[in-house]
């Protein structure tokens, strides 16, 4: 079972973004990342190992922060 309580506050502070490392150390299994980033899923992979935890296109601030992460 997923317990995304740890990554959610972090993602809020990071404009809805999180790295793979942040998510997996927060308790999100790697298989969950794979399933949630499939086409039509609720999350998006913006860059290698950087995920946007929302639907819809990222804004310019999210794209810039994704590059930093």
PDB file of N, CA and C in Angstrom:
ATOM      1  N   UNK A   1       0.843  -1.189   0.000  1.00  0.00           N
ATOM      2  CA  UNK A   1       0.000   0.000   0.000  1.00  0.00           C
ATOM      3  C   UNK A   1       0.880   1.241   0.000  1.00  0.00           C
ATOM      4  N   UNK A   2       0.478   2.241  -0.709  1.00  0.00           N
ATOM      5  CA  UNK A   2       1.246   3.483  -0.807  1.00  0.00           C
ATOM      6  C   UNK A   2       0.940   4.358   0.402  1.00  0.00           C
ATOM      7  N   UNK A   3       1.991   4.948   0.939  1.00  0.00           N
ATOM      8  CA  UNK A   3       1.815   5.937   1.994  1.00  0.00           C
ATOM      9  C   UNK A   3       2.497   7.221   1.550  1.00  0.00           C
ATOM     10  N   UNK A   4       1.848   7.988   0.659  1.00  0.00           N
ATOM     11  CA  UNK A   4       2.501   9.167   0.091  1.00  0.00           C
ATOM     12  C   UNK A   4       2.470  10.386   0.991  1.00  0.00           C
ATOM     13  N   UNK A   5       2.270  10.218   2.285  1.00  0.00           N
ATOM     14  CA  UNK A   5       2.188  11.365   3.176  1.00  0.00           C
ATOM     15  C   UNK A   5       3.508  12.116   3.269  1.00  0.00           C
ATOM     16  N   UNK A   6       4.628  11.432   3.237  1.00  0.00           N
ATOM     17  CA  UNK A   6       5.921  12.109   3.325  1.00  0.00           C
ATOM     18  C   UNK A   6       6.234  12.920   2.063  1.00  0.00           C
ATOM     19  N   UNK A   7       6.069  12.358   0.851  1.00  0.00           N
ATOM     20  CA  UNK A   7       6.411  13.129  -0.343  1.00  0.00           C
ATOM     21  C   UNK A   7       5.459  14.280  -0.646  1.00  0.00           C
ATOM     22  N   UNK A   8       4.207  14.213  -0.203  1.00  0.00           N
ATOM     23  CA  UNK A   8       3.237  15.240  -0.566  1.00  0.00           C
ATOM     24  C   UNK A   8       3.621  16.625  -0.039  1.00  0.00           C
ATOM     25  N   UNK A   9       3.943  16.806   1.258  1.00  0.00           N
ATOM     26  CA  UNK A   9       4.352  18.152   1.703  1.00  0.00           C
ATOM     27  C   UNK A   9       5.609  18.651   0.980  1.00  0.00           C
ATOM     28  N   UNK A  10       6.531  17.755   0.721  1.00  0.00           N
ATOM     29  CA  UNK A  10       7.742  18.120  -0.009  1.00  0.00           C
ATOM     30  C   UNK A  10       7.381  18.600  -1.416  1.00  0.00           C
ATOM     31  N   UNK A  11       6.518  17.866  -2.091  1.00  0.00           N
ATOM     32  CA  UNK A  11       6.120  18.243  -3.446  1.00  0.00           C
ATOM     33  C   UNK A  11       5.383  19.578  -3.447  1.00  0.00           C
ATOM     34  N   UNK A  12       4.611  19.848  -2.415  1.00  0.00           N
ATOM     35  CA  UNK A  12       3.926  21.146  -2.335  1.00  0.00           C
ATOM     36  C   UNK A  12       4.940  22.282  -2.249  1.00  0.00           C
ATOM     37  N   UNK A  13       5.979  22.096  -1.464  1.00  0.00           N
ATOM     38  CA  UNK A  13       7.014  23.131  -1.339  1.00  0.00           C
ATOM     39  C   UNK A  13       7.792  23.292  -2.638  1.00  0.00           C
ATOM     40  N   UNK A  14       7.813  22.247  -3.454  1.00  0.00           N
ATOM     41  CA  UNK A  14       8.567  22.257  -4.713  1.00  0.00           C
ATOM     42  C   UNK A  14       7.645  22.399  -5.921  1.00  0.00           C
ATOM     43  N   UNK A  15       6.544  23.099  -5.759  1.00  0.00           N
ATOM     44  CA  UNK A  15       5.617  23.395  -6.862  1.00  0.00           C
ATOM     45  C   UNK A  15       5.035  22.141  -7.512  1.00  0.00           C
ATOM     46  N   UNK A  16       4.847  21.092  -6.731  1.00  0.00           N
ATOM     47  CA  UNK A  16       4.278  19.858  -7.267  1.00  0.00           C
ATOM     48  C   UNK A  16       5.289  18.942  -7.922  1.00  0.00           C
ATOM     49  N   UNK A  17       6.567  19.218  -7.717  1.00  0.00           N
ATOM     50  CA  UNK A  17       7.639  18.417  -8.307  1.00  0.00           C
ATOM     51  C   UNK A  17       8.348  17.591  -7.249  1.00  0.00           C
ATOM     52  N   UNK A  18       8.862  16.445  -7.666  1.00  0.00           N
ATOM     53  CA  UNK A  18       9.673  15.615  -6.779  1.00  0.00           C
ATOM     54  C   UNK A  18      10.611  14.773  -7.629  1.00  0.00           C
ATOM     55  N   UNK A  19      11.748  14.461  -7.070  1.00  0.00           N
ATOM     56  CA  UNK A  19      12.688  13.575  -7.761  1.00  0.00           C
ATOM     57  C   UNK A  19      12.351  12.129  -7.417  1.00  0.00           C
ATOM     58  N   UNK A  20      12.861  11.237  -8.220  1.00  0.00           N
ATOM     59  CA  UNK A  20      12.647   9.802  -7.971  1.00  0.00           C
ATOM     60  C   UNK A  20      13.193   9.436  -6.591  1.00  0.00           C
ATOM     61  N   UNK A  21      14.349   9.958  -6.246  1.00  0.00           N
ATOM     62  CA  UNK A  21      14.956   9.666  -4.950  1.00  0.00           C
ATOM     63  C   UNK A  21      14.061  10.157  -3.802  1.00  0.00           C
ATOM     64  N   UNK A  22      13.539  11.361  -3.925  1.00  0.00           N
ATOM     65  CA  UNK A  22      12.660  11.901  -2.881  1.00  0.00           C
ATOM     66  C   UNK A  22      11.411  11.041  -2.709  1.00  0.00           C
ATOM     67  N   UNK A  23      10.847  10.599  -3.808  1.00  0.00           N
ATOM     68  CA  UNK A  23       9.625   9.793  -3.731  1.00  0.00           C
ATOM     69  C   UNK A  23       9.898   8.406  -3.144  1.00  0.00           C
ATOM     70  N   UNK A  24      10.951   7.753  -3.617  1.00  0.00           N
ATOM     71  CA  UNK A  24      11.209   6.401  -3.117  1.00  0.00           C
ATOM     72  C   UNK A  24      11.656   6.406  -1.658  1.00  0.00           C
ATOM     73  N   UNK A  25      12.436   7.394  -1.248  1.00  0.00           N
ATOM     74  CA  UNK A  25      12.805   7.455   0.170  1.00  0.00           C
ATOM     75  C   UNK A  25      11.619   7.889   1.028  1.00  0.00           C
ATOM     76  N   UNK A  26      10.618   8.524   0.415  1.00  0.00           N
ATOM     77  CA  UNK A  26       9.396   8.891   1.124  1.00  0.00           C
ATOM     78  C   UNK A  26       8.382   7.768   1.206  1.00  0.00           C
ATOM     79  N   UNK A  27       8.696   6.618   0.618  1.00  0.00           N
ATOM     80  CA  UNK A  27       7.820   5.457   0.740  1.00  0.00           C
ATOM     81  C   UNK A  27       7.025   5.098  -0.497  1.00  0.00           C
ATOM     82  N   UNK A  28       7.231   5.781  -1.605  1.00  0.00           N
ATOM     83  CA  UNK A  28       6.516   5.450  -2.829  1.00  0.00           C
ATOM     84  C   UNK A  28       7.320   4.378  -3.581  1.00  0.00           C
ATOM     85  N   UNK A  29       6.726   3.198  -3.791  1.00  0.00           N
ATOM     86  CA  UNK A  29       7.453   2.140  -4.512  1.00  0.00           C
ATOM     87  C   UNK A  29       7.732   2.516  -5.967  1.00  0.00           C
ATOM     88  N   UNK A  30       8.815   1.993  -6.498  1.00  0.00           N
ATOM     89  CA  UNK A  30       9.193   2.271  -7.884  1.00  0.00           C
ATOM     90  C   UNK A  30       8.095   1.840  -8.849  1.00  0.00           C
ATOM     91  N   UNK A  31       7.406   0.753  -8.554  1.00  0.00           N
ATOM     92  CA  UNK A  31       6.322   0.282  -9.420  1.00  0.00           C
ATOM     93  C   UNK A  31       5.181   1.300  -9.465  1.00  0.00           C
ATOM     94  N   UNK A  32       4.953   2.003  -8.389  1.00  0.00           N
ATOM     95  CA  UNK A  32       3.914   3.037  -8.360  1.00  0.00           C
ATOM     96  C   UNK A  32       4.297   4.195  -9.267  1.00  0.00           C
ATOM     97  N   UNK A  33       5.566   4.574  -9.250  1.00  0.00           N
ATOM     98  CA  UNK A  33       6.032   5.632 -10.158  1.00  0.00           C
ATOM     99  C   UNK A  33       5.773   5.241 -11.608  1.00  0.00           C
ATOM    100  N   UNK A  34       6.079   4.005 -11.937  1.00  0.00           N
ATOM    101  CA  UNK A  34       5.882   3.524 -13.300  1.00  0.00           C
ATOM    102  C   UNK A  34       4.413   3.569 -13.684  1.00  0.00           C
ATOM    103  N   UNK A  35       3.545   3.093 -12.810  1.00  0.00           N
ATOM    104  CA  UNK A  35       2.122   3.050 -13.161  1.00  0.00           C
ATOM    105  C   UNK A  35       1.494   4.434 -13.202  1.00  0.00           C
ATOM    106  N   UNK A  36       1.889   5.327 -12.332  1.00  0.00           N
ATOM    107  CA  UNK A  36       1.284   6.664 -12.310  1.00  0.00           C
ATOM    108  C   UNK A  36       1.784   7.574 -13.426  1.00  0.00           C
ATOM    109  N   UNK A  37       2.901   7.226 -14.038  1.00  0.00           N
ATOM    110  CA  UNK A  37       3.421   8.058 -15.135  1.00  0.00           C
ATOM    111  C   UNK A  37       3.125   7.474 -16.510  1.00  0.00           C
ATOM    112  N   UNK A  38       2.323   6.434 -16.553  1.00  0.00           N
ATOM    113  CA  UNK A  38       1.908   5.905 -17.855  1.00  0.00           C
ATOM    114  C   UNK A  38       1.004   6.920 -18.553  1.00  0.00           C
ATOM    115  N   UNK A  39       0.855   6.818 -19.871  1.00  0.00           N
ATOM    116  CA  UNK A  39      -0.047   7.738 -20.582  1.00  0.00           C
ATOM    117  C   UNK A  39      -1.440   7.723 -19.953  1.00  0.00           C
ATOM    118  N   UNK A  40      -1.956   8.903 -19.669  1.00  0.00           N
ATOM    119  CA  UNK A  40      -3.252   9.032 -19.034  1.00  0.00           C
ATOM    120  C   UNK A  40      -3.203   8.966 -17.517  1.00  0.00           C
ATOM    121  N   UNK A  41      -2.015   8.758 -16.962  1.00  0.00           N
ATOM    122  CA  UNK A  41      -1.857   8.681 -15.515  1.00  0.00           C
ATOM    123  C   UNK A  41      -1.852  10.052 -14.866  1.00  0.00           C
ATOM    124  N   UNK A  42      -1.923  10.082 -13.535  1.00  0.00           N
ATOM    125  CA  UNK A  42      -2.014  11.365 -12.833  1.00  0.00           C
ATOM    126  C   UNK A  42      -0.696  12.126 -12.704  1.00  0.00           C
ATOM    127  N   UNK A  43       0.434  11.466 -12.928  1.00  0.00           N
ATOM    128  CA  UNK A  43       1.741  12.119 -12.794  1.00  0.00           C
ATOM    129  C   UNK A  43       2.429  12.166 -14.144  1.00  0.00           C
ATOM    130  N   UNK A  44       3.400  13.054 -14.268  1.00  0.00           N
ATOM    131  CA  UNK A  44       4.170  13.193 -15.503  1.00  0.00           C
ATOM    132  C   UNK A  44       5.664  13.142 -15.202  1.00  0.00           C
ATOM    133  N   UNK A  45       6.412  12.539 -16.081  1.00  0.00           N
ATOM    134  CA  UNK A  45       7.867  12.586 -15.981  1.00  0.00           C
ATOM    135  C   UNK A  45       8.321  13.757 -16.844  1.00  0.00           C
ATOM    136  N   UNK A  46       8.802  14.816 -16.205  1.00  0.00           N
ATOM    137  CA  UNK A  46       9.235  15.996 -16.955  1.00  0.00           C
ATOM    138  C   UNK A  46      10.643  15.834 -17.493  1.00  0.00           C
ATOM    139  N   UNK A  47      11.509  15.331 -16.658  1.00  0.00           N
ATOM    140  CA  UNK A  47      12.911  15.105 -17.008  1.00  0.00           C
ATOM    141  C   UNK A  47      13.312  13.766 -16.404  1.00  0.00           C
ATOM    142  N   UNK A  48      14.457  13.217 -16.797  1.00  0.00           N
ATOM    143  CA  UNK A  48      14.880  11.972 -16.158  1.00  0.00           C
ATOM    144  C   UNK A  48      14.921  12.135 -14.635  1.00  0.00           C
ATOM    145  N   UNK A  49      14.196  11.272 -13.944  1.00  0.00           N
ATOM    146  CA  UNK A  49      14.136  11.208 -12.474  1.00  0.00           C
ATOM    147  C   UNK A  49      13.482  12.440 -11.836  1.00  0.00           C
ATOM    148  N   UNK A  50      12.721  13.225 -12.599  1.00  0.00           N
ATOM    149  CA  UNK A  50      11.981  14.368 -12.053  1.00  0.00           C
ATOM    150  C   UNK A  50      10.524  14.245 -12.488  1.00  0.00           C
ATOM    151  N   UNK A  51       9.620  14.273 -11.506  1.00  0.00           N
ATOM    152  CA  UNK A  51       8.207  14.028 -11.749  1.00  0.00           C
ATOM    153  C   UNK A  51       7.349  15.213 -11.323  1.00  0.00           C
ATOM    154  N   UNK A  52       6.304  15.472 -12.105  1.00  0.00           N
ATOM    155  CA  UNK A  52       5.302  16.470 -11.782  1.00  0.00           C
ATOM    156  C   UNK A  52       4.091  15.711 -11.264  1.00  0.00           C
ATOM    157  N   UNK A  53       3.713  15.958 -10.027  1.00  0.00           N
ATOM    158  CA  UNK A  53       2.661  15.186  -9.377  1.00  0.00           C
ATOM    159  C   UNK A  53       1.300  15.852  -9.558  1.00  0.00           C
ATOM    160  N   UNK A  54       0.963  16.122 -10.805  1.00  0.00           N
ATOM    161  CA  UNK A  54      -0.336  16.706 -11.142  1.00  0.00           C
ATOM    162  C   UNK A  54      -0.635  16.401 -12.599  1.00  0.00           C
ATOM    163  N   UNK A  55      -1.892  16.584 -12.966  1.00  0.00           N
ATOM    164  CA  UNK A  55      -2.252  16.471 -14.374  1.00  0.00           C
ATOM    165  C   UNK A  55      -2.171  17.870 -14.986  1.00  0.00           C
ATOM    166  N   UNK A  56      -2.158  17.928 -16.270  1.00  0.00           N
ATOM    167  CA  UNK A  56      -2.075  19.221 -16.948  1.00  0.00           C
ATOM    168  C   UNK A  56      -0.641  19.629 -17.195  1.00  0.00           C
ATOM    169  N   UNK A  57      -0.467  20.612 -18.049  1.00  0.00           N
ATOM    170  CA  UNK A  57       0.888  21.024 -18.408  1.00  0.00           C
ATOM    171  C   UNK A  57       1.575  21.795 -17.279  1.00  0.00           C
ATOM    172  N   UNK A  58       2.885  21.674 -17.188  1.00  0.00           N
ATOM    173  CA  UNK A  58       3.625  22.446 -16.182  1.00  0.00           C
ATOM    174  C   UNK A  58       3.728  23.911 -16.609  1.00  0.00           C
ATOM    175  N   UNK A  59       3.790  24.787 -15.616  1.00  0.00           N
ATOM    176  CA  UNK A  59       3.985  26.199 -15.939  1.00  0.00           C
ATOM    177  C   UNK A  59       5.483  26.505 -16.028  1.00  0.00           C
ATOM    178  N   UNK A  60       5.818  27.738 -16.334  1.00  0.00           N
ATOM    179  CA  UNK A  60       7.230  28.096 -16.526  1.00  0.00           C
ATOM    180  C   UNK A  60       8.048  27.932 -15.240  1.00  0.00           C
ATOM    181  N   UNK A  61       7.442  28.179 -14.067  1.00  0.00           N
ATOM    182  CA  UNK A  61       8.168  28.008 -12.801  1.00  0.00           C
ATOM    183  C   UNK A  61       8.474  26.532 -12.551  1.00  0.00           C
ATOM    184  N   UNK A  62       7.521  25.669 -12.856  1.00  0.00           N
ATOM    185  CA  UNK A  62       7.735  24.238 -12.662  1.00  0.00           C
ATOM    186  C   UNK A  62       8.806  23.711 -13.602  1.00  0.00           C
ATOM    187  N   UNK A  63       8.823  24.172 -14.831  1.00  0.00           N
ATOM    188  CA  UNK A  63       9.862  23.739 -15.779  1.00  0.00           C
ATOM    189  C   UNK A  63      11.246  24.186 -15.310  1.00  0.00           C
ATOM    190  N   UNK A  64      11.334  25.402 -14.794  1.00  0.00           N
ATOM    191  CA  UNK A  64      12.621  25.908 -14.317  1.00  0.00           C
ATOM    192  C   UNK A  64      13.091  25.125 -13.096  1.00  0.00           C
ATOM    193  N   UNK A  65      12.190  24.867 -12.151  1.00  0.00           N
ATOM    194  CA  UNK A  65      12.575  24.113 -10.958  1.00  0.00           C
ATOM    195  C   UNK A  65      12.915  22.667 -11.313  1.00  0.00           C
ATOM    196  N   UNK A  66      12.219  22.090 -12.263  1.00  0.00           N
ATOM    197  CA  UNK A  66      12.533  20.725 -12.698  1.00  0.00           C
ATOM    198  C   UNK A  66      13.968  20.645 -13.200  1.00  0.00           C
ATOM    199  N   UNK A  67      14.402  21.666 -13.907  1.00  0.00           N
ATOM    200  CA  UNK A  67      15.774  21.687 -14.409  1.00  0.00           C
ATOM    201  C   UNK A  67      16.773  21.755 -13.257  1.00  0.00           C
ATOM    202  N   UNK A  68      16.423  22.464 -12.206  1.00  0.00           N
ATOM    203  CA  UNK A  68      17.310  22.571 -11.049  1.00  0.00           C
ATOM    204  C   UNK A  68      17.363  21.242 -10.279  1.00  0.00           C
ATOM    205  N   UNK A  69      16.207  20.609 -10.146  1.00  0.00           N
ATOM    206  CA  UNK A  69      16.169  19.336  -9.415  1.00  0.00           C
ATOM    207  C   UNK A  69      16.929  18.264 -10.154  1.00  0.00           C
TER     208      UNK A  69
END
